[in-house]
Amino acid sequence: MSSTPADGTPPPDARVTAVPVPLVNVANILTVTRLALVPVFLLTLFAAEDSTGWRLTAAFVFAVASVTDHVDGRLARKFGLVTDFGKVIDPIADKALTGAALIGLSIIGELPWWVTVTIAVREVGVTLLRFWVIRYGVIAASFGGKAKTLIQIVAIGMFLLPLPAWFDPVEWTAMGVAVALTVVTGVDYVIRAIRLRASG
């Protein structure tokens, strides 16, 4: 004889109890570590001056912090470690790292301010748009958005490394592509946000 009640509800011992995700988990630790590495990165960048060693250190810190951005997300999804804290702090850490690198490079005169301002305005604008449409839904990251992030990291990394002068055209080409993708994906996000808001 089946132990399932007549109304079809499973018996108490067959029900799955949701296990709360701990706030302190490896994914969130990596995210917070990335945020903590931002001031460390800036210190090494500003200490560099003409020192190749310090410049390599700055590039290394930036690379390590960038890798945590990829790893923490994969771990959170794979092991069910997604938390509201992580959803909020992860994009903040991403923008803090990229923004610090761009501003730092502009301060030391190696990157035009218009590049930094263009990217910063897009990132702040997209963040505000997310809040604007949050009650209607979440806009998933597009392929272009992911490509934008990757190219930005690669371009910034090349600017941070003490590369020879003949490599300059490659650096500027990468940064130009990064800026173009930043603008295009920003416009795409505005269009998708307006459509989402209108459909709600």
N, C-alpha and C. Protein backbone atom coordinates (compact mmCIF):
# COMPACT_ATOMS: atom_id res chain seq x y z
N MET A 1 0.86 -1.21 0.00
CA MET A 1 0.00 0.00 0.00
C MET A 1 0.88 1.24 0.00
N SER A 2 0.53 2.20 -0.85
CA SER A 2 1.33 3.41 -0.96
C SER A 2 1.13 4.30 0.25
N SER A 3 2.21 4.97 0.64
CA SER A 3 2.13 5.88 1.79
C SER A 3 1.79 7.29 1.38
N THR A 4 1.58 7.50 0.07
CA THR A 4 1.25 8.83 -0.41
C THR A 4 -0.19 9.17 -0.08
N PRO A 5 -0.46 10.32 0.55
CA PRO A 5 -1.83 10.71 0.90
C PRO A 5 -2.70 10.82 -0.34
N ALA A 6 -4.03 10.79 -0.10
CA ALA A 6 -4.99 10.84 -1.21
C ALA A 6 -4.90 12.12 -2.01
N ASP A 7 -4.50 13.23 -1.38
CA ASP A 7 -4.44 14.50 -2.10
C ASP A 7 -3.20 14.61 -2.98
N GLY A 8 -2.35 13.59 -2.96
CA GLY A 8 -1.20 13.61 -3.86
C GLY A 8 0.05 14.21 -3.29
N THR A 9 -0.03 14.80 -2.08
CA THR A 9 1.16 15.39 -1.48
C THR A 9 2.10 14.31 -1.00
N PRO A 10 3.41 14.49 -1.26
CA PRO A 10 4.36 13.47 -0.83
C PRO A 10 4.45 13.42 0.69
N PRO A 11 4.76 12.28 1.24
CA PRO A 11 4.90 12.18 2.69
C PRO A 11 6.03 13.07 3.18
N PRO A 12 6.01 13.45 4.46
CA PRO A 12 7.01 14.38 4.99
C PRO A 12 8.44 13.94 4.73
N ASP A 13 8.72 12.64 4.80
CA ASP A 13 10.09 12.20 4.64
C ASP A 13 10.54 12.24 3.18
N ALA A 14 9.60 12.48 2.24
CA ALA A 14 9.96 12.52 0.83
C ALA A 14 10.14 13.94 0.33
N ARG A 15 9.80 14.90 1.15
CA ARG A 15 9.92 16.30 0.74
C ARG A 15 11.36 16.77 0.84
N VAL A 16 11.77 17.60 -0.14
CA VAL A 16 13.14 18.11 -0.15
C VAL A 16 13.20 19.40 0.64
N THR A 17 14.02 19.41 1.63
CA THR A 17 14.18 20.61 2.44
C THR A 17 15.29 21.48 1.85
N ALA A 18 14.96 22.73 1.56
CA ALA A 18 15.96 23.64 0.99
C ALA A 18 17.03 23.95 2.03
N VAL A 19 18.26 23.76 1.62
CA VAL A 19 19.38 24.05 2.53
C VAL A 19 19.87 25.46 2.25
N PRO A 20 19.86 26.34 3.25
CA PRO A 20 20.31 27.72 3.02
C PRO A 20 21.79 27.76 2.64
N VAL A 21 22.10 28.64 1.70
CA VAL A 21 23.49 28.78 1.26
C VAL A 21 24.22 29.65 2.26
N PRO A 22 25.33 29.19 2.82
CA PRO A 22 26.07 30.01 3.78
C PRO A 22 26.64 31.27 3.13
N LEU A 23 26.58 32.37 3.86
CA LEU A 23 27.11 33.63 3.33
C LEU A 23 28.61 33.53 3.10
N VAL A 24 29.30 32.90 4.04
CA VAL A 24 30.75 32.73 3.91
C VAL A 24 31.00 31.43 3.15
N ASN A 25 31.23 31.54 1.86
CA ASN A 25 31.56 30.38 1.04
C ASN A 25 32.69 30.77 0.09
N VAL A 26 33.25 29.79 -0.60
CA VAL A 26 34.45 30.04 -1.40
C VAL A 26 34.20 31.05 -2.51
N ALA A 27 33.00 31.05 -3.09
CA ALA A 27 32.70 32.00 -4.17
C ALA A 27 32.70 33.43 -3.65
N ASN A 28 32.02 33.66 -2.52
CA ASN A 28 31.97 35.00 -1.95
C ASN A 28 33.34 35.45 -1.44
N ILE A 29 34.11 34.49 -0.91
CA ILE A 29 35.46 34.83 -0.44
C ILE A 29 36.32 35.32 -1.61
N LEU A 30 36.21 34.66 -2.75
CA LEU A 30 36.97 35.08 -3.94
C LEU A 30 36.53 36.46 -4.41
N THR A 31 35.22 36.71 -4.35
CA THR A 31 34.70 38.01 -4.77
C THR A 31 35.22 39.13 -3.87
N VAL A 32 35.16 38.90 -2.55
CA VAL A 32 35.65 39.89 -1.59
C VAL A 32 37.16 40.07 -1.75
N THR A 33 37.86 38.99 -2.04
CA THR A 33 39.31 39.07 -2.26
C THR A 33 39.61 39.97 -3.45
N ARG A 34 38.82 39.83 -4.52
CA ARG A 34 39.01 40.68 -5.70
C ARG A 34 38.84 42.15 -5.33
N LEU A 35 37.84 42.44 -4.52
CA LEU A 35 37.61 43.81 -4.10
C LEU A 35 38.77 44.31 -3.24
N ALA A 36 39.28 43.45 -2.36
CA ALA A 36 40.39 43.82 -1.48
C ALA A 36 41.69 44.03 -2.26
N LEU A 37 41.81 43.39 -3.42
CA LEU A 37 43.02 43.53 -4.22
C LEU A 37 43.09 44.86 -4.97
N VAL A 38 41.96 45.56 -5.06
CA VAL A 38 41.94 46.83 -5.80
C VAL A 38 42.93 47.84 -5.22
N PRO A 39 42.89 48.15 -3.91
CA PRO A 39 43.88 49.10 -3.38
C PRO A 39 45.30 48.57 -3.48
N VAL A 40 45.48 47.26 -3.34
CA VAL A 40 46.83 46.67 -3.49
C VAL A 40 47.34 46.91 -4.91
N PHE A 41 46.46 46.70 -5.88
CA PHE A 41 46.82 46.94 -7.27
C PHE A 41 47.23 48.39 -7.51
N LEU A 42 46.43 49.32 -6.98
CA LEU A 42 46.74 50.74 -7.18
C LEU A 42 48.07 51.13 -6.54
N LEU A 43 48.34 50.58 -5.36
CA LEU A 43 49.62 50.87 -4.69
C LEU A 43 50.79 50.40 -5.54
N THR A 44 50.67 49.21 -6.11
CA THR A 44 51.78 48.69 -6.94
C THR A 44 51.89 49.48 -8.23
N LEU A 45 50.77 49.92 -8.78
CA LEU A 45 50.80 50.69 -10.03
C LEU A 45 51.47 52.04 -9.82
N PHE A 46 51.08 52.74 -8.76
CA PHE A 46 51.64 54.06 -8.50
C PHE A 46 53.08 53.99 -8.00
N ALA A 47 53.46 52.85 -7.44
CA ALA A 47 54.83 52.67 -6.98
C ALA A 47 55.77 52.34 -8.13
N ALA A 48 55.18 51.96 -9.26
CA ALA A 48 55.98 51.48 -10.38
C ALA A 48 56.93 52.52 -10.92
N GLU A 49 56.41 53.70 -11.27
CA GLU A 49 57.21 54.74 -11.92
C GLU A 49 58.02 54.11 -13.06
N ASP A 50 59.33 54.08 -12.95
CA ASP A 50 60.14 53.47 -14.00
C ASP A 50 60.64 52.09 -13.60
N SER A 51 60.07 51.53 -12.55
CA SER A 51 60.51 50.23 -12.06
C SER A 51 59.77 49.10 -12.79
N THR A 52 60.52 48.30 -13.53
CA THR A 52 59.92 47.17 -14.25
C THR A 52 59.34 46.15 -13.27
N GLY A 53 60.03 45.96 -12.15
CA GLY A 53 59.57 44.99 -11.16
C GLY A 53 58.21 45.35 -10.60
N TRP A 54 58.04 46.60 -10.22
CA TRP A 54 56.75 47.04 -9.67
C TRP A 54 55.66 46.97 -10.73
N ARG A 55 56.02 47.31 -11.97
CA ARG A 55 55.02 47.28 -13.05
C ARG A 55 54.54 45.85 -13.31
N LEU A 56 55.48 44.92 -13.27
CA LEU A 56 55.12 43.51 -13.43
C LEU A 56 54.25 43.04 -12.26
N THR A 57 54.55 43.55 -11.07
CA THR A 57 53.75 43.20 -9.89
C THR A 57 52.32 43.72 -10.04
N ALA A 58 52.19 44.95 -10.53
CA ALA A 58 50.86 45.53 -10.74
C ALA A 58 50.07 44.71 -11.76
N ALA A 59 50.74 44.30 -12.83
CA ALA A 59 50.08 43.49 -13.85
C ALA A 59 49.68 42.13 -13.28
N PHE A 60 50.54 41.58 -12.44
CA PHE A 60 50.25 40.27 -11.83
C PHE A 60 49.05 40.36 -10.90
N VAL A 61 49.00 41.40 -10.06
CA VAL A 61 47.88 41.57 -9.13
C VAL A 61 46.58 41.73 -9.92
N PHE A 62 46.64 42.51 -11.00
CA PHE A 62 45.45 42.72 -11.84
C PHE A 62 45.01 41.39 -12.45
N ALA A 63 45.96 40.59 -12.91
CA ALA A 63 45.64 39.30 -13.53
C ALA A 63 45.00 38.35 -12.53
N VAL A 64 45.55 38.29 -11.34
CA VAL A 64 45.01 37.41 -10.30
C VAL A 64 43.58 37.83 -9.95
N ALA A 65 43.38 39.14 -9.78
CA ALA A 65 42.04 39.64 -9.45
C ALA A 65 41.05 39.35 -10.58
N SER A 66 41.51 39.46 -11.82
CA SER A 66 40.63 39.20 -12.96
C SER A 66 40.25 37.73 -13.04
N VAL A 67 41.18 36.85 -12.71
CA VAL A 67 40.90 35.41 -12.74
C VAL A 67 39.84 35.05 -11.71
N THR A 68 39.88 35.70 -10.55
CA THR A 68 38.88 35.39 -9.52
C THR A 68 37.47 35.71 -10.01
N ASP A 69 37.35 36.67 -10.93
CA ASP A 69 36.04 37.02 -11.46
C ASP A 69 35.45 35.85 -12.24
N HIS A 70 36.29 35.11 -12.94
CA HIS A 70 35.83 33.95 -13.71
C HIS A 70 35.56 32.76 -12.80
N VAL A 71 36.46 32.56 -11.84
CA VAL A 71 36.38 31.39 -10.98
C VAL A 71 35.21 31.46 -10.01
N ASP A 72 34.99 32.62 -9.39
CA ASP A 72 33.93 32.69 -8.38
C ASP A 72 32.55 32.42 -8.97
N GLY A 73 32.31 32.92 -10.18
CA GLY A 73 31.03 32.68 -10.82
C GLY A 73 30.80 31.22 -11.15
N ARG A 74 31.84 30.57 -11.65
CA ARG A 74 31.72 29.15 -12.00
C ARG A 74 31.48 28.30 -10.75
N LEU A 75 32.19 28.61 -9.69
CA LEU A 75 32.02 27.85 -8.45
C LEU A 75 30.63 28.06 -7.87
N ALA A 76 30.15 29.30 -7.91
CA ALA A 76 28.83 29.60 -7.36
C ALA A 76 27.74 28.83 -8.09
N ARG A 77 27.85 28.78 -9.42
CA ARG A 77 26.83 28.07 -10.20
C ARG A 77 26.96 26.56 -10.07
N LYS A 78 28.19 26.06 -10.09
CA LYS A 78 28.41 24.62 -10.06
C LYS A 78 28.01 23.98 -8.73
N PHE A 79 28.32 24.68 -7.64
CA PHE A 79 28.07 24.09 -6.32
C PHE A 79 26.89 24.72 -5.58
N GLY A 80 26.08 25.50 -6.30
CA GLY A 80 24.91 26.10 -5.67
C GLY A 80 25.24 27.08 -4.57
N LEU A 81 26.25 27.92 -4.81
CA LEU A 81 26.69 28.87 -3.79
C LEU A 81 26.25 30.31 -4.10
N VAL A 82 25.22 30.44 -4.93
CA VAL A 82 24.73 31.77 -5.29
C VAL A 82 24.00 32.39 -4.10
N THR A 83 24.39 33.60 -3.72
CA THR A 83 23.74 34.31 -2.62
C THR A 83 23.38 35.72 -3.06
N ASP A 84 22.45 36.34 -2.35
CA ASP A 84 22.08 37.73 -2.66
C ASP A 84 23.30 38.64 -2.48
N PHE A 85 24.10 38.35 -1.46
CA PHE A 85 25.31 39.14 -1.23
C PHE A 85 26.24 39.06 -2.44
N GLY A 86 26.41 37.85 -2.96
CA GLY A 86 27.27 37.66 -4.11
C GLY A 86 26.76 38.38 -5.35
N LYS A 87 25.43 38.36 -5.54
CA LYS A 87 24.83 39.02 -6.69
C LYS A 87 25.10 40.53 -6.67
N VAL A 88 25.16 41.09 -5.47
CA VAL A 88 25.36 42.53 -5.33
C VAL A 88 26.85 42.89 -5.40
N ILE A 89 27.67 42.14 -4.66
CA ILE A 89 29.08 42.51 -4.51
C ILE A 89 29.91 42.15 -5.74
N ASP A 90 29.51 41.11 -6.48
CA ASP A 90 30.30 40.67 -7.63
C ASP A 90 30.44 41.76 -8.70
N PRO A 91 29.33 42.35 -9.20
CA PRO A 91 29.49 43.41 -10.19
C PRO A 91 30.20 44.64 -9.64
N ILE A 92 30.04 44.91 -8.33
CA ILE A 92 30.74 46.05 -7.73
C ILE A 92 32.25 45.80 -7.76
N ALA A 93 32.65 44.58 -7.43
CA ALA A 93 34.08 44.23 -7.45
C ALA A 93 34.63 44.31 -8.87
N ASP A 94 33.84 43.85 -9.84
CA ASP A 94 34.28 43.91 -11.24
C ASP A 94 34.54 45.34 -11.68
N LYS A 95 33.57 46.20 -11.42
CA LYS A 95 33.68 47.59 -11.86
C LYS A 95 34.77 48.33 -11.08
N ALA A 96 34.94 47.98 -9.81
CA ALA A 96 35.99 48.62 -9.00
C ALA A 96 37.37 48.30 -9.56
N LEU A 97 37.57 47.03 -9.94
CA LEU A 97 38.87 46.62 -10.48
C LEU A 97 39.15 47.29 -11.82
N THR A 98 38.20 47.18 -12.75
CA THR A 98 38.39 47.78 -14.07
C THR A 98 38.51 49.29 -13.97
N GLY A 99 37.63 49.91 -13.18
CA GLY A 99 37.67 51.35 -13.03
C GLY A 99 38.98 51.84 -12.42
N ALA A 100 39.47 51.12 -11.41
CA ALA A 100 40.73 51.50 -10.77
C ALA A 100 41.88 51.42 -11.76
N ALA A 101 41.88 50.38 -12.59
CA ALA A 101 42.96 50.22 -13.57
C ALA A 101 42.93 51.35 -14.60
N LEU A 102 41.75 51.65 -15.11
CA LEU A 102 41.63 52.71 -16.12
C LEU A 102 42.00 54.07 -15.54
N ILE A 103 41.46 54.37 -14.36
CA ILE A 103 41.76 55.66 -13.73
C ILE A 103 43.24 55.76 -13.40
N GLY A 104 43.80 54.66 -12.88
CA GLY A 104 45.22 54.66 -12.55
C GLY A 104 46.09 54.90 -13.77
N LEU A 105 45.78 54.25 -14.88
CA LEU A 105 46.54 54.44 -16.11
C LEU A 105 46.41 55.87 -16.65
N SER A 106 45.22 56.46 -16.47
CA SER A 106 45.02 57.85 -16.91
C SER A 106 45.79 58.82 -16.02
N ILE A 107 45.81 58.55 -14.72
CA ILE A 107 46.53 59.43 -13.79
C ILE A 107 48.02 59.46 -14.10
N ILE A 108 48.59 58.30 -14.44
CA ILE A 108 50.02 58.27 -14.73
C ILE A 108 50.32 58.63 -16.18
N GLY A 109 49.27 59.03 -16.91
CA GLY A 109 49.47 59.57 -18.26
C GLY A 109 49.65 58.55 -19.36
N GLU A 110 49.25 57.31 -19.14
CA GLU A 110 49.44 56.29 -20.17
C GLU A 110 48.17 55.94 -20.93
N LEU A 111 47.05 56.51 -20.50
CA LEU A 111 45.78 56.26 -21.19
C LEU A 111 44.98 57.56 -21.20
N PRO A 112 44.48 57.97 -22.37
CA PRO A 112 43.70 59.22 -22.44
C PRO A 112 42.48 59.16 -21.53
N TRP A 113 42.17 60.28 -20.92
CA TRP A 113 41.03 60.32 -20.02
C TRP A 113 39.71 60.05 -20.73
N TRP A 114 39.63 60.37 -22.03
CA TRP A 114 38.36 60.15 -22.72
C TRP A 114 38.02 58.66 -22.79
N VAL A 115 39.05 57.83 -22.85
CA VAL A 115 38.81 56.38 -22.85
C VAL A 115 38.23 55.95 -21.51
N THR A 116 38.86 56.41 -20.44
CA THR A 116 38.40 56.07 -19.09
C THR A 116 36.99 56.58 -18.84
N VAL A 117 36.72 57.82 -19.23
CA VAL A 117 35.41 58.41 -19.01
C VAL A 117 34.34 57.68 -19.82
N THR A 118 34.64 57.34 -21.06
CA THR A 118 33.67 56.64 -21.91
C THR A 118 33.26 55.31 -21.28
N ILE A 119 34.24 54.54 -20.85
CA ILE A 119 33.95 53.24 -20.25
C ILE A 119 33.23 53.40 -18.91
N ALA A 120 33.68 54.39 -18.12
CA ALA A 120 33.06 54.61 -16.80
C ALA A 120 31.60 55.02 -16.92
N VAL A 121 31.31 55.91 -17.87
CA VAL A 121 29.93 56.37 -18.06
C VAL A 121 29.04 55.20 -18.46
N ARG A 122 29.54 54.34 -19.34
CA ARG A 122 28.76 53.17 -19.77
C ARG A 122 28.47 52.26 -18.59
N GLU A 123 29.49 51.97 -17.77
CA GLU A 123 29.30 51.03 -16.66
C GLU A 123 28.34 51.60 -15.61
N VAL A 124 28.48 52.87 -15.30
CA VAL A 124 27.57 53.49 -14.33
C VAL A 124 26.16 53.53 -14.89
N GLY A 125 26.05 53.86 -16.19
CA GLY A 125 24.74 53.92 -16.83
C GLY A 125 24.03 52.58 -16.82
N VAL A 126 24.76 51.51 -17.13
CA VAL A 126 24.17 50.17 -17.13
C VAL A 126 23.73 49.78 -15.72
N THR A 127 24.52 50.14 -14.73
CA THR A 127 24.15 49.84 -13.34
C THR A 127 22.84 50.53 -12.97
N LEU A 128 22.70 51.78 -13.36
CA LEU A 128 21.46 52.52 -13.08
C LEU A 128 20.28 51.91 -13.83
N LEU A 129 20.53 51.45 -15.05
CA LEU A 129 19.47 50.82 -15.83
C LEU A 129 18.99 49.53 -15.15
N ARG A 130 19.93 48.80 -14.56
CA ARG A 130 19.55 47.56 -13.87
C ARG A 130 18.57 47.86 -12.74
N PHE A 131 18.83 48.93 -12.01
CA PHE A 131 17.91 49.31 -10.93
C PHE A 131 16.57 49.77 -11.50
N TRP A 132 16.62 50.40 -12.67
CA TRP A 132 15.41 50.94 -13.30
C TRP A 132 14.45 49.83 -13.71
N VAL A 133 14.98 48.68 -14.15
CA VAL A 133 14.13 47.60 -14.66
C VAL A 133 14.06 46.39 -13.72
N ILE A 134 14.67 46.49 -12.55
CA ILE A 134 14.80 45.31 -11.69
C ILE A 134 13.45 44.70 -11.31
N ARG A 135 12.41 45.52 -11.20
CA ARG A 135 11.09 44.99 -10.83
C ARG A 135 10.42 44.27 -11.99
N TYR A 136 10.93 44.46 -13.20
CA TYR A 136 10.35 43.83 -14.38
C TYR A 136 11.12 42.58 -14.82
N GLY A 137 12.33 42.42 -14.32
CA GLY A 137 13.13 41.26 -14.68
C GLY A 137 14.60 41.59 -14.76
N VAL A 138 15.39 40.58 -15.07
CA VAL A 138 16.83 40.75 -15.17
C VAL A 138 17.26 40.51 -16.61
N ILE A 139 18.08 41.39 -17.14
CA ILE A 139 18.58 41.23 -18.50
C ILE A 139 19.86 40.40 -18.44
N ALA A 140 19.83 39.25 -19.08
CA ALA A 140 20.99 38.36 -19.05
C ALA A 140 22.15 38.97 -19.82
N ALA A 141 23.35 38.63 -19.38
CA ALA A 141 24.55 39.13 -20.07
C ALA A 141 24.59 38.56 -21.48
N SER A 142 24.82 39.41 -22.44
CA SER A 142 24.88 38.98 -23.84
C SER A 142 26.29 38.52 -24.19
N PHE A 143 26.40 37.89 -25.36
CA PHE A 143 27.72 37.48 -25.84
C PHE A 143 28.62 38.70 -26.00
N GLY A 144 28.02 39.80 -26.52
CA GLY A 144 28.79 41.03 -26.70
C GLY A 144 29.29 41.59 -25.38
N GLY A 145 28.45 41.50 -24.35
CA GLY A 145 28.85 41.98 -23.04
C GLY A 145 30.01 41.19 -22.46
N LYS A 146 29.95 39.85 -22.65
CA LYS A 146 31.04 39.01 -22.17
C LYS A 146 32.32 39.27 -22.95
N ALA A 147 32.17 39.47 -24.27
CA ALA A 147 33.34 39.77 -25.10
C ALA A 147 33.95 41.12 -24.70
N LYS A 148 33.08 42.07 -24.38
CA LYS A 148 33.54 43.39 -23.94
C LYS A 148 34.40 43.29 -22.70
N THR A 149 33.92 42.52 -21.73
CA THR A 149 34.66 42.34 -20.48
C THR A 149 36.02 41.71 -20.73
N LEU A 150 36.05 40.67 -21.57
CA LEU A 150 37.30 39.97 -21.87
C LEU A 150 38.30 40.89 -22.56
N ILE A 151 37.82 41.62 -23.58
CA ILE A 151 38.72 42.51 -24.33
C ILE A 151 39.22 43.64 -23.44
N GLN A 152 38.36 44.16 -22.56
CA GLN A 152 38.80 45.20 -21.63
C GLN A 152 39.95 44.70 -20.76
N ILE A 153 39.81 43.49 -20.23
CA ILE A 153 40.84 42.92 -19.35
C ILE A 153 42.14 42.72 -20.11
N VAL A 154 42.03 42.18 -21.34
CA VAL A 154 43.23 41.96 -22.16
C VAL A 154 43.92 43.28 -22.49
N ALA A 155 43.13 44.28 -22.90
CA ALA A 155 43.69 45.58 -23.26
C ALA A 155 44.36 46.25 -22.07
N ILE A 156 43.68 46.24 -20.93
CA ILE A 156 44.26 46.84 -19.72
C ILE A 156 45.53 46.10 -19.33
N GLY A 157 45.49 44.78 -19.43
CA GLY A 157 46.67 43.99 -19.09
C GLY A 157 47.87 44.36 -19.95
N MET A 158 47.65 44.58 -21.24
CA MET A 158 48.75 44.96 -22.13
C MET A 158 49.30 46.34 -21.78
N PHE A 159 48.40 47.26 -21.39
CA PHE A 159 48.86 48.59 -20.99
C PHE A 159 49.65 48.55 -19.69
N LEU A 160 49.31 47.60 -18.85
CA LEU A 160 50.02 47.49 -17.56
C LEU A 160 51.41 46.88 -17.71
N LEU A 161 51.55 45.96 -18.63
CA LEU A 161 52.84 45.29 -18.81
C LEU A 161 53.87 46.24 -19.43
N PRO A 162 55.11 46.14 -19.00
CA PRO A 162 56.17 46.99 -19.58
C PRO A 162 56.62 46.45 -20.94
N LEU A 163 55.76 46.56 -21.92
CA LEU A 163 56.04 46.02 -23.25
C LEU A 163 56.87 47.00 -24.08
N PRO A 164 57.62 46.51 -25.06
CA PRO A 164 58.42 47.39 -25.92
C PRO A 164 57.55 48.31 -26.77
N ALA A 165 58.12 49.40 -27.23
CA ALA A 165 57.38 50.43 -27.98
C ALA A 165 56.75 49.88 -29.26
N TRP A 166 57.41 48.90 -29.89
CA TRP A 166 56.86 48.38 -31.14
C TRP A 166 55.54 47.65 -30.95
N PHE A 167 55.19 47.35 -29.68
CA PHE A 167 53.93 46.66 -29.38
C PHE A 167 52.77 47.64 -29.22
N ASP A 168 53.07 48.95 -29.25
CA ASP A 168 52.03 49.97 -29.03
C ASP A 168 50.82 49.83 -29.96
N PRO A 169 51.01 49.60 -31.27
CA PRO A 169 49.83 49.48 -32.15
C PRO A 169 48.88 48.35 -31.72
N VAL A 170 49.43 47.27 -31.20
CA VAL A 170 48.60 46.16 -30.74
C VAL A 170 47.80 46.57 -29.51
N GLU A 171 48.46 47.26 -28.59
CA GLU A 171 47.80 47.73 -27.38
C GLU A 171 46.63 48.66 -27.73
N TRP A 172 46.89 49.61 -28.61
CA TRP A 172 45.87 50.60 -28.95
C TRP A 172 44.73 49.98 -29.75
N THR A 173 45.06 48.99 -30.58
CA THR A 173 44.01 48.29 -31.32
C THR A 173 43.08 47.56 -30.35
N ALA A 174 43.67 46.88 -29.39
CA ALA A 174 42.87 46.15 -28.38
C ALA A 174 42.01 47.11 -27.58
N MET A 175 42.58 48.24 -27.17
CA MET A 175 41.81 49.21 -26.40
C MET A 175 40.72 49.83 -27.25
N GLY A 176 41.01 50.06 -28.54
CA GLY A 176 39.98 50.61 -29.43
C GLY A 176 38.80 49.66 -29.58
N VAL A 177 39.10 48.37 -29.72
CA VAL A 177 38.04 47.37 -29.80
C VAL A 177 37.24 47.34 -28.49
N ALA A 178 37.95 47.45 -27.37
CA ALA A 178 37.28 47.45 -26.06
C ALA A 178 36.32 48.62 -25.93
N VAL A 179 36.76 49.80 -26.36
CA VAL A 179 35.90 50.99 -26.29
C VAL A 179 34.69 50.83 -27.20
N ALA A 180 34.93 50.32 -28.43
CA ALA A 180 33.83 50.13 -29.38
C ALA A 180 32.79 49.16 -28.83
N LEU A 181 33.25 48.03 -28.28
CA LEU A 181 32.32 47.06 -27.70
C LEU A 181 31.61 47.64 -26.48
N THR A 182 32.31 48.47 -25.73
CA THR A 182 31.70 49.10 -24.55
C THR A 182 30.52 49.96 -24.96
N VAL A 183 30.70 50.75 -26.02
CA VAL A 183 29.63 51.64 -26.48
C VAL A 183 28.49 50.85 -27.11
N VAL A 184 28.83 49.90 -27.99
CA VAL A 184 27.80 49.12 -28.69
C VAL A 184 26.95 48.32 -27.70
N THR A 185 27.60 47.63 -26.77
CA THR A 185 26.84 46.83 -25.79
C THR A 185 26.05 47.72 -24.84
N GLY A 186 26.56 48.92 -24.60
CA GLY A 186 25.82 49.86 -23.76
C GLY A 186 24.51 50.28 -24.43
N VAL A 187 24.58 50.57 -25.73
CA VAL A 187 23.38 50.94 -26.49
C VAL A 187 22.41 49.76 -26.53
N ASP A 188 22.95 48.55 -26.74
CA ASP A 188 22.11 47.35 -26.76
C ASP A 188 21.40 47.15 -25.43
N TYR A 189 22.11 47.42 -24.34
CA TYR A 189 21.50 47.27 -23.02
C TYR A 189 20.37 48.26 -22.82
N VAL A 190 20.55 49.49 -23.30
CA VAL A 190 19.50 50.51 -23.19
C VAL A 190 18.25 50.04 -23.94
N ILE A 191 18.45 49.52 -25.16
CA ILE A 191 17.31 49.07 -25.97
C ILE A 191 16.58 47.92 -25.28
N ARG A 192 17.34 46.94 -24.76
CA ARG A 192 16.71 45.80 -24.10
C ARG A 192 16.02 46.21 -22.81
N ALA A 193 16.59 47.18 -22.10
CA ALA A 193 15.97 47.67 -20.87
C ALA A 193 14.65 48.36 -21.16
N ILE A 194 14.61 49.16 -22.21
CA ILE A 194 13.38 49.87 -22.58
C ILE A 194 12.30 48.87 -22.99
N ARG A 195 12.69 47.84 -23.76
CA ARG A 195 11.73 46.82 -24.19
C ARG A 195 11.18 46.04 -22.98
N LEU A 196 12.08 45.72 -22.05
CA LEU A 196 11.66 44.98 -20.86
C LEU A 196 10.69 45.82 -20.04
N ARG A 197 11.02 47.09 -19.88
CA ARG A 197 10.15 47.99 -19.11
C ARG A 197 8.79 48.15 -19.78
N ALA A 198 8.79 48.24 -21.11
CA ALA A 198 7.54 48.42 -21.84
C ALA A 198 6.67 47.16 -21.78
N SER A 199 7.30 46.00 -21.80
CA SER A 199 6.55 44.74 -21.76
C SER A 199 5.96 44.47 -20.40
N GLY A 200 6.49 45.14 -19.37
CA GLY A 200 5.98 44.92 -18.02
C GLY A 200 4.80 45.79 -17.70
